[in-house]
Amino acid sequence: EQMRDEISRTSEIITSVTGREPVFFRPPYICVNDDM
């Protein structure tokens, strides 16, 4: 749920400014796991 919130909040504010939804995500520190 925290992961979803991190991404959705960021995509929403970017979309509100640019009019375009993000397509790509770069993980902070390039840290990833299966849940992400």
Full PDB file with SEQRES, HELIX, SHEET, SSBOND, CRYST1, ORIGX, SCALE, CONECT and MASTER records, all heavy atoms in Angstrom:
SEQRES   1 A   36  GLU GLN MET ARG ASP GLU ILE SER ARG THR SER GLU ILE          
SEQRES   2 A   36  ILE THR SER VAL THR GLY ARG GLU PRO VAL PHE PHE ARG          
SEQRES   3 A   36  PRO PRO TYR ILE CYS VAL ASN ASP ASP MET                      
HELIX    1 AA1 GLN A    2  THR A   18  1                                  17    
HELIX    2 AA2 PRO A   28  ILE A   30  5                                   3    
CRYST1    1.000    1.000    1.000  90.00  90.00  90.00 P 1           1          
ORIGX1      1.000000  0.000000  0.000000        0.00000                         
ORIGX2      0.000000  1.000000  0.000000        0.00000                         
ORIGX3      0.000000  0.000000  1.000000        0.00000                         
SCALE1      1.000000  0.000000  0.000000        0.00000                         
SCALE2      0.000000  1.000000  0.000000        0.00000                         
SCALE3      0.000000  0.000000  1.000000        0.00000                         
ATOM      1  N   GLU A   1       0.825  -1.203   0.000  1.00  0.00           N  
ATOM      2  CA  GLU A   1       0.000   0.000   0.000  1.00  0.00           C  
ATOM      3  C   GLU A   1       0.863   1.259   0.000  1.00  0.00           C  
ATOM      4  O   GLU A   1       0.557   2.244  -0.681  1.00  0.00           O  
ATOM      5  CB  GLU A   1      -0.927  -0.002   1.220  1.00  0.00           C  
ATOM      6  CG  GLU A   1      -1.965   1.116   1.201  1.00  0.00           C  
ATOM      7  CD  GLU A   1      -2.782   1.132  -0.077  1.00  0.00           C  
ATOM      8  OE1 GLU A   1      -3.192   0.053  -0.540  1.00  0.00           O  
ATOM      9  OE2 GLU A   1      -2.990   2.248  -0.626  1.00  0.00           O  
ATOM     10  N   GLN A   2       1.952   1.234   0.750  1.00  0.00           N  
ATOM     11  CA  GLN A   2       2.865   2.378   0.750  1.00  0.00           C  
ATOM     12  C   GLN A   2       3.510   2.562  -0.626  1.00  0.00           C  
ATOM     13  O   GLN A   2       3.702   3.687  -1.086  1.00  0.00           O  
ATOM     14  CB  GLN A   2       3.948   2.188   1.821  1.00  0.00           C  
ATOM     15  CG  GLN A   2       3.440   2.341   3.244  1.00  0.00           C  
ATOM     16  CD  GLN A   2       4.501   1.953   4.269  1.00  0.00           C  
ATOM     17  OE1 GLN A   2       5.218   0.962   4.107  1.00  0.00           O  
ATOM     18  NE2 GLN A   2       4.598   2.725   5.346  1.00  0.00           N  
ATOM     19  N   MET A   3       3.838   1.459  -1.267  1.00  0.00           N  
ATOM     20  CA  MET A   3       4.395   1.539  -2.618  1.00  0.00           C  
ATOM     21  C   MET A   3       3.408   2.190  -3.572  1.00  0.00           C  
ATOM     22  O   MET A   3       3.773   3.092  -4.350  1.00  0.00           O  
ATOM     23  CB  MET A   3       4.752   0.131  -3.126  1.00  0.00           C  
ATOM     24  CG  MET A   3       5.882  -0.548  -2.397  1.00  0.00           C  
ATOM     25  SD  MET A   3       6.071  -2.261  -2.981  1.00  0.00           S  
ATOM     26  CE  MET A   3       7.349  -2.854  -1.864  1.00  0.00           C  
ATOM     27  N   ARG A   4       2.166   1.744  -3.529  1.00  0.00           N  
ATOM     28  CA  ARG A   4       1.143   2.325  -4.408  1.00  0.00           C  
ATOM     29  C   ARG A   4       1.001   3.818  -4.157  1.00  0.00           C  
ATOM     30  O   ARG A   4       0.871   4.605  -5.091  1.00  0.00           O  
ATOM     31  CB  ARG A   4      -0.203   1.635  -4.190  1.00  0.00           C  
ATOM     32  CG  ARG A   4      -0.278   0.196  -4.668  1.00  0.00           C  
ATOM     33  CD  ARG A   4      -1.705  -0.326  -4.627  1.00  0.00           C  
ATOM     34  NE  ARG A   4      -1.758  -1.742  -4.944  1.00  0.00           N  
ATOM     35  CZ  ARG A   4      -1.752  -2.713  -4.043  1.00  0.00           C  
ATOM     36  NH1 ARG A   4      -1.710  -2.419  -2.754  1.00  0.00           N  
ATOM     37  NH2 ARG A   4      -1.795  -3.981  -4.421  1.00  0.00           N  
ATOM     38  N   ASP A   5       1.033   4.206  -2.895  1.00  0.00           N  
ATOM     39  CA  ASP A   5       0.871   5.610  -2.545  1.00  0.00           C  
ATOM     40  C   ASP A   5       2.031   6.448  -3.085  1.00  0.00           C  
ATOM     41  O   ASP A   5       1.826   7.550  -3.621  1.00  0.00           O  
ATOM     42  CB  ASP A   5       0.778   5.754  -1.024  1.00  0.00           C  
ATOM     43  CG  ASP A   5       0.510   7.180  -0.592  1.00  0.00           C  
ATOM     44  OD1 ASP A   5      -0.573   7.713  -0.918  1.00  0.00           O  
ATOM     45  OD2 ASP A   5       1.380   7.784   0.066  1.00  0.00           O  
ATOM     46  N   GLU A   6       3.260   5.947  -2.946  1.00  0.00           N  
ATOM     47  CA  GLU A   6       4.437   6.658  -3.457  1.00  0.00           C  
ATOM     48  C   GLU A   6       4.298   6.958  -4.950  1.00  0.00           C  
ATOM     49  O   GLU A   6       4.645   8.047  -5.417  1.00  0.00           O  
ATOM     50  CB  GLU A   6       5.698   5.817  -3.233  1.00  0.00           C  
ATOM     51  CG  GLU A   6       6.203   5.806  -1.817  1.00  0.00           C  
ATOM     52  CD  GLU A   6       7.142   6.975  -1.508  1.00  0.00           C  
ATOM     53  OE1 GLU A   6       7.890   7.401  -2.414  1.00  0.00           O  
ATOM     54  OE2 GLU A   6       7.121   7.446  -0.371  1.00  0.00           O  
ATOM     55  N   ILE A   7       3.819   5.960  -5.686  1.00  0.00           N  
ATOM     56  CA  ILE A   7       3.743   6.103  -7.139  1.00  0.00           C  
ATOM     57  C   ILE A   7       2.525   6.914  -7.551  1.00  0.00           C  
ATOM     58  O   ILE A   7       2.620   7.826  -8.385  1.00  0.00           O  
ATOM     59  CB  ILE A   7       3.710   4.708  -7.805  1.00  0.00           C  
ATOM     60  CG1 ILE A   7       4.976   3.933  -7.456  1.00  0.00           C  
ATOM     61  CG2 ILE A   7       3.570   4.851  -9.317  1.00  0.00           C  
ATOM     62  CD1 ILE A   7       6.271   4.663  -7.716  1.00  0.00           C  
ATOM     63  N   SER A   8       1.368   6.610  -6.968  1.00  0.00           N  
ATOM     64  CA  SER A   8       0.146   7.289  -7.404  1.00  0.00           C  
ATOM     65  C   SER A   8       0.188   8.779  -7.093  1.00  0.00           C  
ATOM     66  O   SER A   8      -0.218   9.612  -7.925  1.00  0.00           O  
ATOM     67  CB  SER A   8      -1.082   6.642  -6.769  1.00  0.00           C  
ATOM     68  OG  SER A   8      -1.062   6.769  -5.355  1.00  0.00           O  
ATOM     69  N   ARG A   9       0.687   9.147  -5.924  1.00  0.00           N  
ATOM     70  CA  ARG A   9       0.767  10.575  -5.580  1.00  0.00           C  
ATOM     71  C   ARG A   9       1.680  11.318  -6.551  1.00  0.00           C  
ATOM     72  O   ARG A   9       1.373  12.432  -6.991  1.00  0.00           O  
ATOM     73  CB  ARG A   9       1.268  10.756  -4.148  1.00  0.00           C  
ATOM     74  CG  ARG A   9       0.298  10.312  -3.080  1.00  0.00           C  
ATOM     75  CD  ARG A   9       0.911  10.435  -1.703  1.00  0.00           C  
ATOM     76  NE  ARG A   9       1.057  11.833  -1.283  1.00  0.00           N  
ATOM     77  CZ  ARG A   9       1.707  12.208  -0.180  1.00  0.00           C  
ATOM     78  NH1 ARG A   9       2.286  11.295   0.592  1.00  0.00           N  
ATOM     79  NH2 ARG A   9       1.783  13.474   0.141  1.00  0.00           N  
ATOM     80  N   THR A  10       2.804  10.685  -6.879  1.00  0.00           N  
ATOM     81  CA  THR A  10       3.750  11.330  -7.795  1.00  0.00           C  
ATOM     82  C   THR A  10       3.171  11.434  -9.192  1.00  0.00           C  
ATOM     83  O   THR A  10       3.251  12.485  -9.844  1.00  0.00           O  
ATOM     84  CB  THR A  10       5.073  10.558  -7.820  1.00  0.00           C  
ATOM     85  OG1 THR A  10       5.572  10.444  -6.481  1.00  0.00           O  
ATOM     86  CG2 THR A  10       6.102  11.267  -8.675  1.00  0.00           C  
ATOM     87  N   SER A  11       2.571  10.353  -9.677  1.00  0.00           N  
ATOM     88  CA  SER A  11       1.983  10.391 -11.021  1.00  0.00           C  
ATOM     89  C   SER A  11       0.852  11.413 -11.103  1.00  0.00           C  
ATOM     90  O   SER A  11       0.711  12.115 -12.115  1.00  0.00           O  
ATOM     91  CB  SER A  11       1.474   9.007 -11.422  1.00  0.00           C  
ATOM     92  OG  SER A  11       2.550   8.138 -11.726  1.00  0.00           O  
ATOM     93  N   GLU A  12       0.070  11.511 -10.041  1.00  0.00           N  
ATOM     94  CA  GLU A  12      -1.054  12.452 -10.061  1.00  0.00           C  
ATOM     95  C   GLU A  12      -0.589  13.898 -10.142  1.00  0.00           C  
ATOM     96  O   GLU A  12      -1.137  14.691 -10.918  1.00  0.00           O  
ATOM     97  CB  GLU A  12      -1.919  12.249  -8.811  1.00  0.00           C  
ATOM     98  CG  GLU A  12      -2.791  11.003  -8.873  1.00  0.00           C  
ATOM     99  CD  GLU A  12      -3.434  10.683  -7.529  1.00  0.00           C  
ATOM    100  OE1 GLU A  12      -3.339  11.527  -6.599  1.00  0.00           O  
ATOM    101  OE2 GLU A  12      -4.017   9.588  -7.406  1.00  0.00           O  
ATOM    102  N   ILE A  13       0.434  14.254  -9.372  1.00  0.00           N  
ATOM    103  CA  ILE A  13       0.887  15.646  -9.395  1.00  0.00           C  
ATOM    104  C   ILE A  13       1.597  15.948 -10.714  1.00  0.00           C  
ATOM    105  O   ILE A  13       1.449  17.048 -11.269  1.00  0.00           O  
ATOM    106  CB  ILE A  13       1.765  15.982  -8.172  1.00  0.00           C  
ATOM    107  CG1 ILE A  13       1.944  17.512  -8.061  1.00  0.00           C  
ATOM    108  CG2 ILE A  13       3.106  15.277  -8.211  1.00  0.00           C  
ATOM    109  CD1 ILE A  13       2.569  17.958  -6.759  1.00  0.00           C  
ATOM    110  N   ILE A  14       2.339  14.978 -11.254  1.00  0.00           N  
ATOM    111  CA  ILE A  14       2.975  15.190 -12.552  1.00  0.00           C  
ATOM    112  C   ILE A  14       1.918  15.379 -13.637  1.00  0.00           C  
ATOM    113  O   ILE A  14       2.010  16.292 -14.470  1.00  0.00           O  
ATOM    114  CB  ILE A  14       3.910  14.014 -12.897  1.00  0.00           C  
ATOM    115  CG1 ILE A  14       5.166  14.061 -12.019  1.00  0.00           C  
ATOM    116  CG2 ILE A  14       4.302  14.040 -14.385  1.00  0.00           C  
ATOM    117  CD1 ILE A  14       6.076  12.854 -12.167  1.00  0.00           C  
ATOM    118  N   THR A  15       0.894  14.545 -13.615  1.00  0.00           N  
ATOM    119  CA  THR A  15      -0.164  14.645 -14.614  1.00  0.00           C  
ATOM    120  C   THR A  15      -0.902  15.972 -14.506  1.00  0.00           C  
ATOM    121  O   THR A  15      -1.260  16.583 -15.523  1.00  0.00           O  
ATOM    122  CB  THR A  15      -1.156  13.476 -14.464  1.00  0.00           C  
ATOM    123  OG1 THR A  15      -0.442  12.238 -14.570  1.00  0.00           O  
ATOM    124  CG2 THR A  15      -2.230  13.525 -15.531  1.00  0.00           C  
ATOM    125  N   SER A  16      -1.103  16.442 -13.276  1.00  0.00           N  
ATOM    126  CA  SER A  16      -1.825  17.705 -13.090  1.00  0.00           C  
ATOM    127  C   SER A  16      -1.051  18.883 -13.671  1.00  0.00           C  
ATOM    128  O   SER A  16      -1.650  19.867 -14.114  1.00  0.00           O  
ATOM    129  CB  SER A  16      -2.096  17.945 -11.602  1.00  0.00           C  
ATOM    130  OG  SER A  16      -0.898  18.276 -10.899  1.00  0.00           O  
ATOM    131  N   VAL A  17       0.278  18.776 -13.687  1.00  0.00           N  
ATOM    132  CA  VAL A  17       1.113  19.865 -14.211  1.00  0.00           C  
ATOM    133  C   VAL A  17       1.334  19.718 -15.709  1.00  0.00           C  
ATOM    134  O   VAL A  17       1.303  20.708 -16.453  1.00  0.00           O  
ATOM    135  CB  VAL A  17       2.478  19.898 -13.485  1.00  0.00           C  
ATOM    136  CG1 VAL A  17       3.395  20.945 -14.117  1.00  0.00           C  
ATOM    137  CG2 VAL A  17       2.290  20.187 -12.009  1.00  0.00           C  
ATOM    138  N   THR A  18       1.564  18.485 -16.172  1.00  0.00           N  
ATOM    139  CA  THR A  18       1.967  18.270 -17.563  1.00  0.00           C  
ATOM    140  C   THR A  18       0.831  17.877 -18.495  1.00  0.00           C  
ATOM    141  O   THR A  18       0.961  18.010 -19.716  1.00  0.00           O  
ATOM    142  CB  THR A  18       3.031  17.159 -17.643  1.00  0.00           C  
ATOM    143  OG1 THR A  18       2.437  15.899 -17.293  1.00  0.00           O  
ATOM    144  CG2 THR A  18       4.193  17.450 -16.703  1.00  0.00           C  
ATOM    145  N   GLY A  19      -0.257  17.337 -17.931  1.00  0.00           N  
ATOM    146  CA  GLY A  19      -1.330  16.823 -18.770  1.00  0.00           C  
ATOM    147  C   GLY A  19      -1.023  15.462 -19.370  1.00  0.00           C  
ATOM    148  O   GLY A  19      -1.766  14.957 -20.220  1.00  0.00           O  
ATOM    149  N   ARG A  20       0.059  14.843 -18.933  1.00  0.00           N  
ATOM    150  CA  ARG A  20       0.485  13.529 -19.440  1.00  0.00           C  
ATOM    151  C   ARG A  20       0.838  12.639 -18.265  1.00  0.00           C  
ATOM    152  O   ARG A  20       1.586  13.034 -17.380  1.00  0.00           O  
ATOM    153  CB  ARG A  20       1.706  13.683 -20.348  1.00  0.00           C  
ATOM    154  CG  ARG A  20       2.370  12.365 -20.777  1.00  0.00           C  
ATOM    155  CD  ARG A  20       3.686  12.646 -21.495  1.00  0.00           C  
ATOM    156  NE  ARG A  20       4.443  11.436 -21.786  1.00  0.00           N  
ATOM    157  CZ  ARG A  20       5.255  10.827 -20.921  1.00  0.00           C  
ATOM    158  NH1 ARG A  20       5.412  11.322 -19.694  1.00  0.00           N  
ATOM    159  NH2 ARG A  20       5.910   9.731 -21.267  1.00  0.00           N  
ATOM    160  N   GLU A  21       0.309  11.414 -18.260  1.00  0.00           N  
ATOM    161  CA  GLU A  21       0.626  10.471 -17.204  1.00  0.00           C  
ATOM    162  C   GLU A  21       2.019   9.875 -17.424  1.00  0.00           C  
ATOM    163  O   GLU A  21       2.372   9.529 -18.547  1.00  0.00           O  
ATOM    164  CB  GLU A  21      -0.399   9.341 -17.165  1.00  0.00           C  
ATOM    165  CG  GLU A  21      -1.776   9.764 -16.701  1.00  0.00           C  
ATOM    166  CD  GLU A  21      -2.686   8.568 -16.526  1.00  0.00           C  
ATOM    167  OE1 GLU A  21      -2.172   7.431 -16.488  1.00  0.00           O  
ATOM    168  OE2 GLU A  21      -3.899   8.776 -16.421  1.00  0.00           O  
ATOM    169  N   PRO A  22       2.818   9.748 -16.372  1.00  0.00           N  
ATOM    170  CA  PRO A  22       4.119   9.099 -16.523  1.00  0.00           C  
ATOM    171  C   PRO A  22       3.978   7.670 -17.039  1.00  0.00           C  
ATOM    172  O   PRO A  22       2.997   6.977 -16.747  1.00  0.00           O  
ATOM    173  CB  PRO A  22       4.690   9.117 -15.100  1.00  0.00           C  
ATOM    174  CG  PRO A  22       4.015  10.279 -14.455  1.00  0.00           C  
ATOM    175  CD  PRO A  22       2.621  10.287 -15.018  1.00  0.00           C  
ATOM    176  N   VAL A  23       4.969   7.260 -17.795  1.00  0.00           N  
ATOM    177  CA  VAL A  23       5.020   5.916 -18.364  1.00  0.00           C  
ATOM    178  C   VAL A  23       6.110   5.088 -17.692  1.00  0.00           C  
ATOM    179  O   VAL A  23       5.981   3.883 -17.549  1.00  0.00           O  
ATOM    180  CB  VAL A  23       5.289   5.994 -19.884  1.00  0.00           C  
ATOM    181  CG1 VAL A  23       5.449   4.598 -20.490  1.00  0.00           C  
ATOM    182  CG2 VAL A  23       4.175   6.767 -20.576  1.00  0.00           C  
ATOM    183  N   PHE A  24       7.178   5.768 -17.256  1.00  0.00           N  
ATOM    184  CA  PHE A  24       8.352   5.093 -16.706  1.00  0.00           C  
ATOM    185  C   PHE A  24       8.532   5.421 -15.224  1.00  0.00           C  
ATOM    186  O   PHE A  24       8.112   6.472 -14.747  1.00  0.00           O  
ATOM    187  CB  PHE A  24       9.613   5.536 -17.458  1.00  0.00           C  
ATOM    188  CG  PHE A  24       9.601   5.199 -18.917  1.00  0.00           C  
ATOM    189  CD1 PHE A  24       9.240   6.161 -19.859  1.00  0.00           C  
ATOM    190  CD2 PHE A  24       9.941   3.927 -19.365  1.00  0.00           C  
ATOM    191  CE1 PHE A  24       9.238   5.857 -21.215  1.00  0.00           C  
ATOM    192  CE2 PHE A  24       9.939   3.622 -20.716  1.00  0.00           C  
ATOM    193  CZ  PHE A  24       9.582   4.593 -21.637  1.00  0.00           C  
ATOM    194  N   PHE A  25       9.218   4.514 -14.538  1.00  0.00           N  
ATOM    195  CA  PHE A  25       9.545   4.682 -13.126  1.00  0.00           C  
ATOM    196  C   PHE A  25      10.993   4.271 -12.908  1.00  0.00           C  
ATOM    197  O   PHE A  25      11.417   3.179 -13.310  1.00  0.00           O  
ATOM    198  CB  PHE A  25       8.631   3.800 -12.269  1.00  0.00           C  
ATOM    199  CG  PHE A  25       9.071   3.638 -10.841  1.00  0.00           C  
ATOM    200  CD1 PHE A  25       9.188   4.737 -10.004  1.00  0.00           C  
ATOM    201  CD2 PHE A  25       9.354   2.369 -10.324  1.00  0.00           C  
ATOM    202  CE1 PHE A  25       9.594   4.584  -8.677  1.00  0.00           C  
ATOM    203  CE2 PHE A  25       9.746   2.210  -8.998  1.00  0.00           C  
ATOM    204  CZ  PHE A  25       9.870   3.323  -8.175  1.00  0.00           C  
ATOM    205  N   ARG A  26      11.762   5.175 -12.308  1.00  0.00           N  
ATOM    206  CA  ARG A  26      13.112   4.788 -11.887  1.00  0.00           C  
ATOM    207  C   ARG A  26      13.110   4.623 -10.371  1.00  0.00           C  
ATOM    208  O   ARG A  26      12.873   5.587  -9.636  1.00  0.00           O  
ATOM    209  CB  ARG A  26      14.166   5.805 -12.301  1.00  0.00           C  
ATOM    210  CG  ARG A  26      15.569   5.376 -11.825  1.00  0.00           C  
ATOM    211  CD  ARG A  26      16.664   6.231 -12.423  1.00  0.00           C  
ATOM    212  NE  ARG A  26      16.957   5.871 -13.795  1.00  0.00           N  
ATOM    213  CZ  ARG A  26      17.087   6.740 -14.794  1.00  0.00           C  
ATOM    214  NH1 ARG A  26      16.935   8.024 -14.582  1.00  0.00           N  
ATOM    215  NH2 ARG A  26      17.376   6.317 -16.009  1.00  0.00           N  
ATOM    216  N   PRO A  27      13.358   3.424  -9.874  1.00  0.00           N  
ATOM    217  CA  PRO A  27      13.330   3.188  -8.426  1.00  0.00           C  
ATOM    218  C   PRO A  27      14.457   3.948  -7.729  1.00  0.00           C  
ATOM    219  O   PRO A  27      15.598   3.947  -8.206  1.00  0.00           O  
ATOM    220  CB  PRO A  27      13.551   1.674  -8.303  1.00  0.00           C  
ATOM    221  CG  PRO A  27      13.267   1.119  -9.656  1.00  0.00           C  
ATOM    222  CD  PRO A  27      13.634   2.188 -10.624  1.00  0.00           C  
ATOM    223  N   PRO A  28      14.176   4.605  -6.616  1.00  0.00           N  
ATOM    224  CA  PRO A  28      15.245   5.246  -5.849  1.00  0.00           C  
ATOM    225  C   PRO A  28      16.338   4.227  -5.499  1.00  0.00           C  
ATOM    226  O   PRO A  28      16.033   3.105  -5.078  1.00  0.00           O  
ATOM    227  CB  PRO A  28      14.531   5.737  -4.589  1.00  0.00           C  
ATOM    228  CG  PRO A  28      13.121   5.947  -5.023  1.00  0.00           C  
ATOM    229  CD  PRO A  28      12.851   4.847  -6.009  1.00  0.00           C  
ATOM    230  N   TYR A  29      17.569   4.619  -5.701  1.00  0.00           N  
ATOM    231  CA  TYR A  29      18.743   3.784  -5.417  1.00  0.00           C  
ATOM    232  C   TYR A  29      18.774   2.504  -6.266  1.00  0.00           C  
ATOM    233  O   TYR A  29      19.573   1.611  -6.013  1.00  0.00           O  
ATOM    234  CB  TYR A  29      18.817   3.420  -3.927  1.00  0.00           C  
ATOM    235  CG  TYR A  29      18.587   4.591  -3.013  1.00  0.00           C  
ATOM    236  CD1 TYR A  29      17.414   4.694  -2.265  1.00  0.00           C  
ATOM    237  CD2 TYR A  29      19.518   5.622  -2.919  1.00  0.00           C  
ATOM    238  CE1 TYR A  29      17.193   5.790  -1.426  1.00  0.00           C  
ATOM    239  CE2 TYR A  29      19.299   6.712  -2.092  1.00  0.00           C  
ATOM    240  CZ  TYR A  29      18.131   6.789  -1.357  1.00  0.00           C  
ATOM    241  OH  TYR A  29      17.906   7.868  -0.541  1.00  0.00           O  
ATOM    242  N   ILE A  30      17.891   2.414  -7.247  1.00  0.00           N  
ATOM    243  CA  ILE A  30      17.716   1.203  -8.064  1.00  0.00           C  
ATOM    244  C   ILE A  30      17.479  -0.022  -7.175  1.00  0.00           C  
ATOM    245  O   ILE A  30      17.951  -1.134  -7.436  1.00  0.00           O  
ATOM    246  CB  ILE A  30      18.910   0.971  -9.029  1.00  0.00           C  
ATOM    247  CG1 ILE A  30      19.303   2.282  -9.694  1.00  0.00           C  
ATOM    248  CG2 ILE A  30      18.543  -0.039 -10.115  1.00  0.00           C  
ATOM    249  CD1 ILE A  30      18.258   2.917 -10.565  1.00  0.00           C  
ATOM    250  N   CYS A  31      16.747   0.191  -6.086  1.00  0.00           N  
ATOM    251  CA  CYS A  31      16.360  -0.893  -5.179  1.00  0.00           C  
ATOM    252  C   CYS A  31      14.985  -1.410  -5.590  1.00  0.00           C  
ATOM    253  O   CYS A  31      14.019  -0.626  -5.649  1.00  0.00           O  
ATOM    254  CB  CYS A  31      16.326  -0.409  -3.734  1.00  0.00           C  
ATOM    255  SG  CYS A  31      17.940   0.002  -3.053  1.00  0.00           S  
ATOM    256  N   VAL A  32      14.887  -2.697  -5.860  1.00  0.00           N  
ATOM    257  CA  VAL A  32      13.614  -3.274  -6.290  1.00  0.00           C  
ATOM    258  C   VAL A  32      13.392  -4.621  -5.609  1.00  0.00           C  
ATOM    259  O   VAL A  32      14.331  -5.267  -5.149  1.00  0.00           O  
ATOM    260  CB  VAL A  32      13.569  -3.471  -7.820  1.00  0.00           C  
ATOM    261  CG1 VAL A  32      13.660  -2.139  -8.543  1.00  0.00           C  
ATOM    262  CG2 VAL A  32      14.677  -4.403  -8.289  1.00  0.00           C  
ATOM    263  N   ASN A  33      12.125  -5.016  -5.558  1.00  0.00           N  
ATOM    264  CA  ASN A  33      11.783  -6.376  -5.139  1.00  0.00           C  
ATOM    265  C   ASN A  33      10.518  -6.802  -5.880  1.00  0.00           C  
ATOM    266  O   ASN A  33       9.931  -6.029  -6.652  1.00  0.00           O  
ATOM    267  CB  ASN A  33      11.630  -6.480  -3.617  1.00  0.00           C  
ATOM    268  CG  ASN A  33      10.499  -5.626  -3.065  1.00  0.00           C  
ATOM    269  OD1 ASN A  33       9.656  -5.101  -3.812  1.00  0.00           O  
ATOM    270  ND2 ASN A  33      10.465  -5.470  -1.752  1.00  0.00           N  
ATOM    271  N   ASP A  34      10.111  -8.037  -5.663  1.00  0.00           N  
ATOM    272  CA  ASP A  34       8.970  -8.582  -6.400  1.00  0.00           C  
ATOM    273  C   ASP A  34       7.691  -7.811  -6.117  1.00  0.00           C  
ATOM    274  O   ASP A  34       6.842  -7.640  -7.007  1.00  0.00           O  
ATOM    275  CB  ASP A  34       8.776 -10.062  -6.074  1.00  0.00           C  
ATOM    276  CG  ASP A  34       9.854 -10.945  -6.693  1.00  0.00           C  
ATOM    277  OD1 ASP A  34      10.524 -10.474  -7.640  1.00  0.00           O  
ATOM    278  OD2 ASP A  34      10.028 -12.088  -6.221  1.00  0.00           O  
ATOM    279  N   ASP A  35       7.511  -7.357  -4.869  1.00  0.00           N  
ATOM    280  CA  ASP A  35       6.302  -6.600  -4.540  1.00  0.00           C  
ATOM    281  C   ASP A  35       6.196  -5.333  -5.381  1.00  0.00           C  
ATOM    282  O   ASP A  35       5.104  -4.953  -5.824  1.00  0.00           O  
ATOM    283  CB  ASP A  35       6.281  -6.227  -3.054  1.00  0.00           C  
ATOM    284  CG  ASP A  35       5.934  -7.403  -2.158  1.00  0.00           C  
ATOM    285  OD1 ASP A  35       5.468  -8.440  -2.686  1.00  0.00           O  
ATOM    286  OD2 ASP A  35       6.123  -7.291  -0.935  1.00  0.00           O  
ATOM    287  N   MET A  36       7.316  -4.663  -5.608  1.00  0.00           N  
ATOM    288  CA  MET A  36       7.300  -3.453  -6.420  1.00  0.00           C  
ATOM    289  C   MET A  36       6.869  -3.776  -7.845  1.00  0.00           C  
ATOM    290  O   MET A  36       6.055  -3.064  -8.444  1.00  0.00           O  
ATOM    291  CB  MET A  36       8.662  -2.774  -6.399  1.00  0.00           C  
ATOM    292  CG  MET A  36       9.029  -2.187  -5.040  1.00  0.00           C  
ATOM    293  SD  MET A  36      10.745  -1.607  -4.952  1.00  0.00           S  
ATOM    294  CE  MET A  36      10.703  -0.227  -6.098  1.00  0.00           C  
TER     295      MET A  36                                                      
MASTER        0    0    0    2    0    0    0    6  294    1    0    3          
END                                                                             
